[in-house]
Amino acid sequence: MGQPQRSDQMLEEENDRLTESLSGKVKALKSLSIDIGHEVRTQNKLLQEMLSIDIGHEVRTQNKLLQEMDDDFDTSGSLLSATMGRLSALTKKGHHKVMCYMILFCFFVFLVAWYFVRRR
């Protein structure tokens, strides 16, 4: 009867040793998982900060460019309105010779622009 009892005791000791080993490995794995979770949260926070800074800078740059373009269009619109006013005054006065020169000049500018575009 002594031998089966000793065998059971040895198995129990082996089982306890394996349980302790497994417990240590589970604790290490839990610690590693927690560390990975902290690292992921830290990197996500850093990435969000970087994106918000870059996006904010990009939006400010685009707004500045749009404002400059709006100012340029306003200036061009004023210039075109003044030019159209002068052309209307010219046509009302009956200077047909000047109008002919104006049309020829516009045609010439168109040809020069067309030449340079085709040349590229």
C-alpha atoms as a PDB file:
ATOM      1  CA  MET A   1       0.000   0.000   0.000  1.00  0.00           C
ATOM      2  CA  GLY A   2       2.918   2.337   0.437  1.00  0.00           C
ATOM      3  CA  GLN A   3       3.910   2.374  -3.195  1.00  0.00           C
ATOM      4  CA  PRO A   4       0.597   3.643  -4.699  1.00  0.00           C
ATOM      5  CA  GLN A   5       0.486   6.322  -2.052  1.00  0.00           C
ATOM      6  CA  ARG A   6       4.024   7.440  -2.945  1.00  0.00           C
ATOM      7  CA  SER A   7       3.113   7.449  -6.647  1.00  0.00           C
ATOM      8  CA  ASP A   8       0.060   9.613  -5.951  1.00  0.00           C
ATOM      9  CA  GLN A   9       2.180  11.951  -3.867  1.00  0.00           C
ATOM     10  CA  MET A  10       4.780  12.246  -6.673  1.00  0.00           C
ATOM     11  CA  LEU A  11       2.048  12.954  -9.209  1.00  0.00           C
ATOM     12  CA  GLU A  12       0.557  15.568  -6.887  1.00  0.00           C
ATOM     13  CA  GLU A  13       3.968  17.258  -6.460  1.00  0.00           C
ATOM     14  CA  GLU A  14       4.556  17.191 -10.236  1.00  0.00           C
ATOM     15  CA  ASN A  15       1.088  18.654 -10.781  1.00  0.00           C
ATOM     16  CA  ASP A  16       1.772  21.439  -8.237  1.00  0.00           C
ATOM     17  CA  ARG A  17       5.107  22.246  -9.900  1.00  0.00           C
ATOM     18  CA  LEU A  18       3.524  22.417 -13.365  1.00  0.00           C
ATOM     19  CA  THR A  19       0.669  24.545 -11.987  1.00  0.00           C
ATOM     20  CA  GLU A  20       3.146  27.025 -10.478  1.00  0.00           C
ATOM     21  CA  SER A  21       5.089  27.136 -13.759  1.00  0.00           C
ATOM     22  CA  LEU A  22       1.898  27.735 -15.718  1.00  0.00           C
ATOM     23  CA  SER A  23       0.815  30.416 -13.245  1.00  0.00           C
ATOM     24  CA  GLY A  24       4.137  32.245 -13.746  1.00  0.00           C
ATOM     25  CA  LYS A  25       3.763  32.094 -17.507  1.00  0.00           C
ATOM     26  CA  VAL A  26       0.168  33.385 -17.324  1.00  0.00           C
ATOM     27  CA  LYS A  27       1.307  36.298 -15.125  1.00  0.00           C
ATOM     28  CA  ALA A  28       4.094  37.132 -17.605  1.00  0.00           C
ATOM     29  CA  LEU A  29       1.648  36.958 -20.515  1.00  0.00           C
ATOM     30  CA  LYS A  30      -0.847  39.181 -18.669  1.00  0.00           C
ATOM     31  CA  SER A  31       1.872  41.730 -17.927  1.00  0.00           C
ATOM     32  CA  LEU A  32       2.999  41.685 -21.562  1.00  0.00           C
ATOM     33  CA  SER A  33      -0.594  42.155 -22.783  1.00  0.00           C
ATOM     34  CA  ILE A  34      -1.094  45.122 -20.450  1.00  0.00           C
ATOM     35  CA  ASP A  35       2.180  46.692 -21.647  1.00  0.00           C
ATOM     36  CA  ILE A  36       1.152  46.226 -25.288  1.00  0.00           C
ATOM     37  CA  GLY A  37      -2.227  47.844 -24.539  1.00  0.00           C
ATOM     38  CA  HIS A  38      -0.521  50.864 -22.943  1.00  0.00           C
ATOM     39  CA  GLU A  39       1.854  51.180 -25.905  1.00  0.00           C
ATOM     40  CA  VAL A  40      -0.996  51.011 -28.435  1.00  0.00           C
ATOM     41  CA  ARG A  41      -2.984  53.683 -26.574  1.00  0.00           C
ATOM     42  CA  THR A  42       0.097  55.927 -26.360  1.00  0.00           C
ATOM     43  CA  GLN A  43       0.848  55.549 -30.070  1.00  0.00           C
ATOM     44  CA  ASN A  44      -2.799  56.185 -31.020  1.00  0.00           C
ATOM     45  CA  LYS A  45      -2.826  59.368 -28.950  1.00  0.00           C
ATOM     46  CA  LEU A  46       0.439  60.531 -30.540  1.00  0.00           C
ATOM     47  CA  LEU A  47      -0.836  59.737 -34.037  1.00  0.00           C
ATOM     48  CA  GLN A  48      -4.080  61.650 -33.449  1.00  0.00           C
ATOM     49  CA  GLU A  49      -2.107  64.666 -32.229  1.00  0.00           C
ATOM     50  CA  MET A  50       0.156  64.522 -35.286  1.00  0.00           C
ATOM     51  CA  LEU A  51      -2.803  64.238 -37.649  1.00  0.00           C
ATOM     52  CA  SER A  52      -4.680  67.105 -36.039  1.00  0.00           C
ATOM     53  CA  ILE A  53      -1.584  69.332 -36.264  1.00  0.00           C
ATOM     54  CA  ASP A  54      -0.920  68.438 -39.923  1.00  0.00           C
ATOM     55  CA  ILE A  55      -4.571  68.767 -40.927  1.00  0.00           C
ATOM     56  CA  GLY A  56      -4.910  72.094 -39.128  1.00  0.00           C
ATOM     57  CA  HIS A  57      -1.817  73.456 -40.869  1.00  0.00           C
ATOM     58  CA  GLU A  58      -3.062  72.204 -44.241  1.00  0.00           C
ATOM     59  CA  VAL A  59      -6.482  73.811 -43.726  1.00  0.00           C
ATOM     60  CA  ARG A  60      -4.896  77.157 -42.789  1.00  0.00           C
ATOM     61  CA  THR A  61      -2.654  77.020 -45.879  1.00  0.00           C
ATOM     62  CA  GLN A  62      -5.587  76.190 -48.169  1.00  0.00           C
ATOM     63  CA  ASN A  63      -7.714  78.969 -46.652  1.00  0.00           C
ATOM     64  CA  LYS A  64      -4.905  81.467 -47.217  1.00  0.00           C
ATOM     65  CA  LEU A  65      -4.544  80.391 -50.863  1.00  0.00           C
ATOM     66  CA  LEU A  66      -8.302  80.599 -51.402  1.00  0.00           C
ATOM     67  CA  GLN A  67      -8.406  84.097 -49.912  1.00  0.00           C
ATOM     68  CA  GLU A  68      -5.571  85.210 -52.218  1.00  0.00           C
ATOM     69  CA  MET A  69      -7.386  83.704 -55.205  1.00  0.00           C
ATOM     70  CA  ASP A  70     -10.604  85.484 -54.202  1.00  0.00           C
ATOM     71  CA  ASP A  71      -8.734  88.793 -53.995  1.00  0.00           C
ATOM     72  CA  ASP A  72      -7.194  88.175 -57.434  1.00  0.00           C
ATOM     73  CA  PHE A  73     -10.615  87.421 -58.933  1.00  0.00           C
ATOM     74  CA  ASP A  74     -12.049  90.590 -57.407  1.00  0.00           C
ATOM     75  CA  THR A  75      -9.211  92.633 -58.909  1.00  0.00           C
ATOM     76  CA  SER A  76      -9.624  90.953 -62.298  1.00  0.00           C
ATOM     77  CA  GLY A  77     -13.380  91.491 -62.202  1.00  0.00           C
ATOM     78  CA  SER A  78     -12.930  95.194 -61.502  1.00  0.00           C
ATOM     79  CA  LEU A  79     -10.393  95.495 -64.308  1.00  0.00           C
ATOM     80  CA  LEU A  80     -12.682  93.698 -66.768  1.00  0.00           C
ATOM     81  CA  SER A  81     -15.652  95.852 -65.763  1.00  0.00           C
ATOM     82  CA  ALA A  82     -13.649  99.017 -66.367  1.00  0.00           C
ATOM     83  CA  THR A  83     -12.431  97.711 -69.728  1.00  0.00           C
ATOM     84  CA  MET A  84     -15.951  96.763 -70.796  1.00  0.00           C
ATOM     85  CA  GLY A  85     -17.131 100.235 -69.818  1.00  0.00           C
ATOM     86  CA  ARG A  86     -14.467 101.817 -72.013  1.00  0.00           C
ATOM     87  CA  LEU A  87     -15.327  99.486 -74.914  1.00  0.00           C
ATOM     88  CA  SER A  88     -19.005 100.351 -74.567  1.00  0.00           C
ATOM     89  CA  ALA A  89     -18.145 104.044 -74.632  1.00  0.00           C
ATOM     90  CA  LEU A  90     -16.007 103.498 -77.742  1.00  0.00           C
ATOM     91  CA  THR A  91     -18.779 101.691 -79.600  1.00  0.00           C
ATOM     92  CA  LYS A  92     -21.331 104.356 -78.707  1.00  0.00           C
ATOM     93  CA  LYS A  93     -19.129 107.134 -80.055  1.00  0.00           C
ATOM     94  CA  GLY A  94     -18.947 105.508 -83.463  1.00  0.00           C
ATOM     95  CA  HIS A  95     -15.189 105.033 -83.767  1.00  0.00           C
ATOM     96  CA  HIS A  96     -15.450 102.145 -86.180  1.00  0.00           C
ATOM     97  CA  LYS A  97     -11.811 102.392 -87.180  1.00  0.00           C
ATOM     98  CA  VAL A  98     -10.693 101.993 -83.556  1.00  0.00           C
ATOM     99  CA  MET A  99     -13.017  99.004 -83.133  1.00  0.00           C
ATOM    100  CA  CYS A 100     -11.521  97.352 -86.197  1.00  0.00           C
ATOM    101  CA  TYR A 101      -8.015  97.834 -84.762  1.00  0.00           C
ATOM    102  CA  MET A 102      -9.194  96.460 -81.433  1.00  0.00           C
ATOM    103  CA  ILE A 103     -10.611  93.324 -83.047  1.00  0.00           C
ATOM    104  CA  LEU A 104      -7.417  92.817 -85.071  1.00  0.00           C
ATOM    105  CA  PHE A 105      -5.333  93.268 -81.919  1.00  0.00           C
ATOM    106  CA  CYS A 106      -7.406  90.663 -80.051  1.00  0.00           C
ATOM    107  CA  PHE A 107      -7.059  88.265 -82.978  1.00  0.00           C
ATOM    108  CA  PHE A 108      -3.286  88.837 -82.996  1.00  0.00           C
ATOM    109  CA  VAL A 109      -3.044  88.148 -79.247  1.00  0.00           C
ATOM    110  CA  PHE A 110      -5.077  84.982 -79.746  1.00  0.00           C
ATOM    111  CA  LEU A 111      -2.719  83.805 -82.525  1.00  0.00           C
ATOM    112  CA  VAL A 112       0.388  84.493 -80.423  1.00  0.00           C
ATOM    113  CA  ALA A 113      -1.097  82.632 -77.450  1.00  0.00           C
ATOM    114  CA  TRP A 114      -2.087  79.737 -79.707  1.00  0.00           C
ATOM    115  CA  TYR A 115       1.443  79.598 -81.157  1.00  0.00           C
ATOM    116  CA  PHE A 116       3.068  79.403 -77.714  1.00  0.00           C
ATOM    117  CA  VAL A 117       0.631  76.757 -76.509  1.00  0.00           C
ATOM    118  CA  ARG A 118       1.251  74.614 -79.597  1.00  0.00           C
ATOM    119  CA  ARG A 119       5.007  75.064 -79.241  1.00  0.00           C
ATOM    120  CA  ARG A 120       5.086  73.351 -75.839  1.00  0.00           C
END
